Structure formats: structure tokens, C-alpha cells
N, C-alpha and C. Protein backbone atom coordinates (compact mmCIF):
# COMPACT_ATOMS: atom_id res chain seq x y z
N UNK A 1 0.46 34.55 15.48
CA UNK A 1 -0.58 35.22 14.75
C UNK A 1 -1.37 34.23 13.89
N UNK A 2 -0.65 33.34 13.19
CA UNK A 2 -1.34 32.34 12.37
C UNK A 2 -2.11 31.37 13.24
N UNK A 3 -1.49 30.93 14.35
CA UNK A 3 -2.16 29.98 15.24
C UNK A 3 -3.45 30.59 15.79
N UNK A 4 -3.41 31.85 16.16
CA UNK A 4 -4.58 32.49 16.75
C UNK A 4 -5.74 32.61 15.77
N UNK A 5 -5.45 32.78 14.49
CA UNK A 5 -6.52 33.02 13.52
C UNK A 5 -6.97 31.79 12.76
N UNK A 6 -6.13 30.77 12.63
CA UNK A 6 -6.47 29.65 11.77
C UNK A 6 -6.59 28.31 12.48
N UNK A 7 -6.20 28.21 13.72
CA UNK A 7 -6.25 26.94 14.45
C UNK A 7 -7.21 27.09 15.62
N UNK A 8 -8.10 26.11 15.83
CA UNK A 8 -9.03 26.19 16.96
C UNK A 8 -8.28 26.31 18.29
N UNK A 9 -8.91 26.92 19.27
CA UNK A 9 -8.26 27.19 20.55
C UNK A 9 -7.75 25.93 21.24
N UNK A 10 -8.55 24.86 21.21
CA UNK A 10 -8.14 23.62 21.87
C UNK A 10 -6.89 23.03 21.22
N UNK A 11 -6.86 23.03 19.90
CA UNK A 11 -5.69 22.51 19.18
C UNK A 11 -4.48 23.41 19.38
N UNK A 12 -4.68 24.70 19.44
CA UNK A 12 -3.58 25.64 19.68
C UNK A 12 -2.97 25.41 21.05
N UNK A 13 -3.81 25.13 22.04
CA UNK A 13 -3.30 24.86 23.38
C UNK A 13 -2.47 23.58 23.41
N UNK A 14 -2.91 22.57 22.67
CA UNK A 14 -2.14 21.33 22.58
C UNK A 14 -0.77 21.59 21.96
N UNK A 15 -0.74 22.41 20.91
CA UNK A 15 0.53 22.73 20.27
C UNK A 15 1.46 23.49 21.22
N UNK A 16 0.90 24.41 21.97
CA UNK A 16 1.71 25.18 22.91
C UNK A 16 2.29 24.30 24.02
N UNK A 17 1.54 23.27 24.44
CA UNK A 17 2.04 22.35 25.46
C UNK A 17 3.18 21.49 24.92
N UNK A 18 3.13 21.17 23.63
CA UNK A 18 4.18 20.34 23.03
C UNK A 18 5.43 21.12 22.65
N UNK A 19 5.32 22.43 22.52
CA UNK A 19 6.43 23.25 22.03
C UNK A 19 7.48 23.45 23.12
N UNK A 20 8.76 23.44 22.71
CA UNK A 20 9.86 23.76 23.62
C UNK A 20 10.99 24.38 22.79
N UNK A 21 11.83 25.15 23.44
CA UNK A 21 12.94 25.83 22.77
C UNK A 21 14.17 24.93 22.83
N UNK A 22 14.69 24.55 21.70
CA UNK A 22 15.91 23.76 21.62
C UNK A 22 17.09 24.72 21.74
N UNK A 23 17.82 24.62 22.84
CA UNK A 23 18.89 25.58 23.10
C UNK A 23 20.08 25.37 22.17
N UNK A 24 20.28 24.16 21.67
CA UNK A 24 21.40 23.91 20.77
C UNK A 24 21.21 24.62 19.43
N UNK A 25 20.01 24.53 18.87
CA UNK A 25 19.76 25.14 17.56
C UNK A 25 19.11 26.51 17.67
N UNK A 26 18.55 26.84 18.83
CA UNK A 26 17.90 28.13 19.00
C UNK A 26 16.54 28.20 18.34
N UNK A 27 15.97 27.05 17.98
CA UNK A 27 14.67 27.00 17.30
C UNK A 27 13.64 26.33 18.19
N UNK A 28 12.38 26.67 17.96
CA UNK A 28 11.30 26.01 18.67
C UNK A 28 11.06 24.65 18.02
N UNK A 29 10.87 23.63 18.83
CA UNK A 29 10.62 22.27 18.39
C UNK A 29 9.33 21.78 19.04
N UNK A 30 8.77 20.69 18.49
CA UNK A 30 7.59 20.05 19.09
C UNK A 30 8.02 18.71 19.66
N UNK A 31 7.59 18.44 20.90
CA UNK A 31 7.87 17.14 21.50
C UNK A 31 7.10 16.07 20.74
N UNK A 32 7.66 14.86 20.65
CA UNK A 32 6.89 13.77 20.03
C UNK A 32 5.60 13.53 20.79
N UNK A 33 4.62 13.05 20.08
CA UNK A 33 3.29 12.86 20.67
C UNK A 33 3.32 11.87 21.83
N UNK A 34 4.20 10.88 21.77
CA UNK A 34 4.25 9.88 22.83
C UNK A 34 4.64 10.52 24.16
N UNK A 35 5.45 11.57 24.14
CA UNK A 35 5.83 12.23 25.38
C UNK A 35 4.71 13.10 25.91
N UNK A 36 3.86 13.60 25.05
CA UNK A 36 2.75 14.43 25.52
C UNK A 36 1.63 13.59 26.11
N UNK A 37 1.63 12.27 25.85
CA UNK A 37 0.60 11.42 26.46
C UNK A 37 0.71 11.46 27.98
N UNK A 38 1.90 11.66 28.48
CA UNK A 38 2.09 11.70 29.93
C UNK A 38 1.47 12.95 30.53
N UNK A 39 1.22 13.97 29.70
CA UNK A 39 0.61 15.20 30.19
C UNK A 39 -0.92 15.11 30.16
N UNK A 40 -1.45 13.96 29.78
CA UNK A 40 -2.89 13.71 29.76
C UNK A 40 -3.62 14.64 28.79
N UNK A 41 -3.03 14.89 27.65
CA UNK A 41 -3.72 15.66 26.62
C UNK A 41 -4.27 14.69 25.60
N UNK A 42 -5.33 15.07 24.95
CA UNK A 42 -5.91 14.21 23.93
C UNK A 42 -5.20 14.50 22.61
N UNK A 43 -4.43 13.57 22.15
CA UNK A 43 -3.71 13.70 20.89
C UNK A 43 -4.09 12.52 20.00
N UNK A 44 -3.87 12.70 18.73
CA UNK A 44 -4.16 11.60 17.82
C UNK A 44 -3.09 10.53 17.96
N UNK A 45 -3.51 9.31 18.00
CA UNK A 45 -2.58 8.19 18.16
C UNK A 45 -2.54 7.38 16.88
N UNK A 46 -1.52 6.58 16.77
CA UNK A 46 -1.37 5.70 15.62
C UNK A 46 -2.42 4.60 15.67
N UNK A 47 -2.92 4.24 14.52
CA UNK A 47 -3.93 3.18 14.47
C UNK A 47 -3.31 1.87 14.91
N UNK A 48 -4.09 0.97 15.50
CA UNK A 48 -3.54 -0.32 15.93
C UNK A 48 -3.12 -1.15 14.72
N UNK A 49 -2.10 -1.94 14.93
CA UNK A 49 -1.59 -2.81 13.88
C UNK A 49 -2.51 -4.01 13.71
N UNK A 50 -2.46 -4.60 12.52
CA UNK A 50 -3.27 -5.79 12.26
C UNK A 50 -2.71 -6.97 13.06
N UNK A 51 -3.56 -7.90 13.38
CA UNK A 51 -3.14 -9.05 14.17
C UNK A 51 -2.21 -9.96 13.38
N UNK A 52 -2.45 -10.09 12.09
CA UNK A 52 -1.58 -10.92 11.25
C UNK A 52 -0.39 -10.11 10.80
N UNK A 53 0.82 -10.63 10.94
CA UNK A 53 1.99 -9.87 10.46
C UNK A 53 1.93 -9.70 8.95
N UNK A 54 2.20 -8.52 8.49
CA UNK A 54 2.20 -8.25 7.06
C UNK A 54 0.85 -7.88 6.49
N UNK A 55 -0.21 -8.00 7.27
CA UNK A 55 -1.55 -7.66 6.77
C UNK A 55 -1.77 -6.16 6.88
N UNK A 56 -2.46 -5.62 5.90
CA UNK A 56 -2.70 -4.17 5.89
C UNK A 56 -3.81 -3.79 6.87
N UNK A 57 -4.73 -4.71 7.11
CA UNK A 57 -5.84 -4.41 8.00
C UNK A 57 -6.30 -5.71 8.68
N UNK A 58 -7.14 -5.55 9.67
CA UNK A 58 -7.64 -6.72 10.39
C UNK A 58 -8.56 -7.54 9.49
N UNK A 59 -8.43 -8.86 9.56
CA UNK A 59 -9.24 -9.76 8.75
C UNK A 59 -9.82 -10.82 9.68
N UNK A 60 -11.11 -11.08 9.56
CA UNK A 60 -11.73 -12.08 10.42
C UNK A 60 -11.29 -13.48 10.01
N UNK A 61 -11.46 -14.43 10.91
CA UNK A 61 -11.09 -15.81 10.62
C UNK A 61 -11.95 -16.35 9.48
N UNK A 62 -13.22 -15.98 9.48
CA UNK A 62 -14.12 -16.42 8.41
C UNK A 62 -13.63 -15.93 7.06
N UNK A 63 -13.23 -14.66 6.98
CA UNK A 63 -12.73 -14.11 5.72
C UNK A 63 -11.43 -14.78 5.29
N UNK A 64 -10.58 -15.15 6.25
CA UNK A 64 -9.35 -15.87 5.92
C UNK A 64 -9.66 -17.22 5.30
N UNK A 65 -10.63 -17.95 5.89
CA UNK A 65 -10.98 -19.27 5.35
C UNK A 65 -11.65 -19.13 3.99
N UNK A 66 -12.55 -18.16 3.86
CA UNK A 66 -13.25 -17.98 2.58
C UNK A 66 -12.30 -17.55 1.47
N UNK A 67 -11.26 -16.78 1.81
CA UNK A 67 -10.33 -16.33 0.77
C UNK A 67 -9.55 -17.49 0.17
N UNK A 68 -9.40 -18.58 0.93
CA UNK A 68 -8.71 -19.75 0.40
C UNK A 68 -9.63 -20.62 -0.44
N UNK A 69 -10.93 -20.56 -0.16
CA UNK A 69 -11.90 -21.40 -0.86
C UNK A 69 -12.55 -20.66 -2.02
N UNK A 70 -13.03 -19.46 -1.74
CA UNK A 70 -13.81 -18.69 -2.69
C UNK A 70 -12.92 -17.69 -3.42
N UNK A 71 -13.13 -17.53 -4.72
CA UNK A 71 -12.34 -16.58 -5.50
C UNK A 71 -12.96 -15.19 -5.52
N UNK A 72 -14.02 -15.00 -4.77
CA UNK A 72 -14.69 -13.71 -4.70
C UNK A 72 -13.74 -12.69 -4.07
N UNK A 73 -13.52 -11.54 -4.72
CA UNK A 73 -12.58 -10.55 -4.17
C UNK A 73 -13.05 -9.93 -2.86
N UNK A 74 -14.29 -10.19 -2.48
CA UNK A 74 -14.80 -9.67 -1.21
C UNK A 74 -13.97 -10.15 -0.03
N UNK A 75 -13.45 -11.37 -0.12
CA UNK A 75 -12.72 -11.96 0.99
C UNK A 75 -11.21 -11.79 0.86
N UNK A 76 -10.75 -11.13 -0.17
CA UNK A 76 -9.32 -10.91 -0.35
C UNK A 76 -8.94 -9.61 0.36
N UNK A 77 -7.78 -9.58 0.99
CA UNK A 77 -7.40 -8.38 1.72
C UNK A 77 -6.98 -7.25 0.80
N UNK A 78 -6.49 -7.57 -0.40
CA UNK A 78 -6.01 -6.53 -1.30
C UNK A 78 -6.99 -6.24 -2.43
N UNK A 79 -8.16 -6.87 -2.43
CA UNK A 79 -9.16 -6.69 -3.48
C UNK A 79 -8.58 -6.95 -4.86
N UNK A 80 -7.80 -8.00 -4.97
CA UNK A 80 -7.24 -8.40 -6.26
C UNK A 80 -8.04 -9.58 -6.76
N UNK A 81 -8.54 -9.47 -7.96
CA UNK A 81 -9.38 -10.51 -8.51
C UNK A 81 -8.54 -11.47 -9.35
N UNK A 82 -8.75 -12.76 -9.17
CA UNK A 82 -8.05 -13.78 -9.94
C UNK A 82 -8.91 -14.15 -11.13
N UNK A 83 -8.37 -14.04 -12.32
CA UNK A 83 -9.11 -14.38 -13.53
C UNK A 83 -8.32 -15.40 -14.33
N UNK A 84 -9.04 -16.16 -15.14
CA UNK A 84 -8.41 -17.15 -16.01
C UNK A 84 -7.76 -16.43 -17.19
N UNK A 85 -6.67 -16.99 -17.68
CA UNK A 85 -5.97 -16.40 -18.81
C UNK A 85 -6.66 -16.78 -20.10
N UNK A 86 -7.05 -15.79 -20.90
CA UNK A 86 -7.66 -16.03 -22.20
C UNK A 86 -6.56 -16.06 -23.24
N UNK A 87 -6.38 -17.22 -23.86
CA UNK A 87 -5.35 -17.36 -24.87
C UNK A 87 -5.82 -16.72 -26.17
N UNK A 88 -4.99 -15.93 -26.82
CA UNK A 88 -5.39 -15.29 -28.08
C UNK A 88 -5.38 -16.30 -29.22
N UNK A 89 -6.12 -16.00 -30.28
CA UNK A 89 -6.10 -16.85 -31.46
C UNK A 89 -4.78 -16.64 -32.19
N UNK A 90 -4.29 -17.69 -32.82
CA UNK A 90 -3.03 -17.60 -33.55
C UNK A 90 -3.20 -16.71 -34.77
N UNK A 91 -2.28 -15.78 -34.96
CA UNK A 91 -2.34 -14.89 -36.12
C UNK A 91 -1.28 -15.25 -37.15
N UNK A 92 -0.52 -16.29 -36.88
CA UNK A 92 0.51 -16.74 -37.83
C UNK A 92 0.18 -18.16 -38.27
N UNK A 93 0.80 -18.58 -39.35
CA UNK A 93 0.60 -19.94 -39.83
C UNK A 93 1.75 -20.81 -39.37
N UNK A 94 1.46 -22.07 -39.23
CA UNK A 94 2.48 -23.01 -38.80
C UNK A 94 3.50 -23.25 -39.91
N UNK A 95 4.74 -23.47 -39.51
CA UNK A 95 5.82 -23.73 -40.46
C UNK A 95 5.69 -25.16 -40.96
N UNK A 96 5.58 -25.34 -42.27
CA UNK A 96 5.38 -26.68 -42.83
C UNK A 96 6.61 -27.18 -43.58
N UNK A 97 7.69 -26.52 -43.49
CA UNK A 97 8.90 -26.96 -44.18
C UNK A 97 9.30 -25.96 -45.24
N UNK A 98 10.40 -26.24 -45.84
CA UNK A 98 10.94 -25.31 -46.82
C UNK A 98 10.15 -25.39 -48.11
N UNK A 99 9.67 -24.27 -48.56
CA UNK A 99 8.97 -24.19 -49.83
C UNK A 99 9.88 -23.57 -50.88
N UNK A 100 11.17 -23.66 -50.65
CA UNK A 100 12.13 -23.05 -51.56
C UNK A 100 12.27 -23.87 -52.84
N UNK A 101 12.76 -23.25 -53.82
CA UNK A 101 12.98 -23.86 -55.12
C UNK A 101 14.05 -24.95 -54.99
N UNK A 102 13.99 -25.95 -55.83
CA UNK A 102 14.94 -27.06 -55.79
C UNK A 102 16.36 -26.57 -56.05
N UNK A 103 16.53 -25.55 -56.89
CA UNK A 103 17.87 -25.04 -57.15
C UNK A 103 18.45 -24.36 -55.92
N UNK A 104 17.59 -23.69 -55.15
CA UNK A 104 18.06 -23.05 -53.91
C UNK A 104 18.46 -24.10 -52.92
N UNK A 105 17.70 -25.20 -52.81
CA UNK A 105 18.04 -26.29 -51.89
C UNK A 105 19.39 -26.89 -52.25
N UNK A 106 19.63 -27.09 -53.54
CA UNK A 106 20.91 -27.64 -53.96
C UNK A 106 22.06 -26.70 -53.64
N UNK A 107 21.81 -25.40 -53.74
CA UNK A 107 22.88 -24.42 -53.45
C UNK A 107 23.19 -24.40 -51.95
N UNK A 108 22.18 -24.61 -51.13
CA UNK A 108 22.42 -24.60 -49.69
C UNK A 108 23.11 -25.86 -49.21
N UNK A 109 22.89 -26.97 -49.88
CA UNK A 109 23.52 -28.23 -49.48
C UNK A 109 24.90 -28.32 -49.95
């Protein structure tokens, strides 16, 4: 009932082709998409992997070379910008030695 009213006819037919009854559990299951490819149905496939291992997306050779030379985030794969560290101004004074009273110094020694 839900499939008939809320899913387009073409997509509903694809779902019906993938569905099968699992006799062990008594429930309807869907075949993995890779098995339905053999039935020549149009299903969504996984996007191709990047050529470089560990890369999130494809990167041209030019962009690879520029990312090593140029700090522009345009050529970085993760869009992370490298910035210089700005050192804060000192808010404390430098220690110049003990300013304690002479009697205190004698007591400590």
C-alpha cells in the first residue's frame, strides 16, 4: 500500500525485483544491489574511488604540484588553510630576582 502511493512505479518495480522471502527468518529481504546488476536493472552504484589511496576525491596532477608550492587552499584536498602563528604580547613581567626583605633572606638561608 505504501509502495503504491509513495514510490514511483519504476522504482517500485526495481524493489519488487530485488525482494525475496527468507525462509529461515520468514521475512522479506532485499538482495544486494550487486546481485541485481545481473538482472540488467538500472540501480544506483557506488561512486568510483579516488586514484590516490587515502584521497577523498580525485585530484589533478597540476593541483597536486600546486598544493606543494602554493599555500592557496584552492589546491588543497581538504580546504585547510595554513596560517602563521601570531604570538601574543606578554602580559606578565620578567622575574628579576628576589625582592624580599633582607631579614627574610637571612631566615631562608
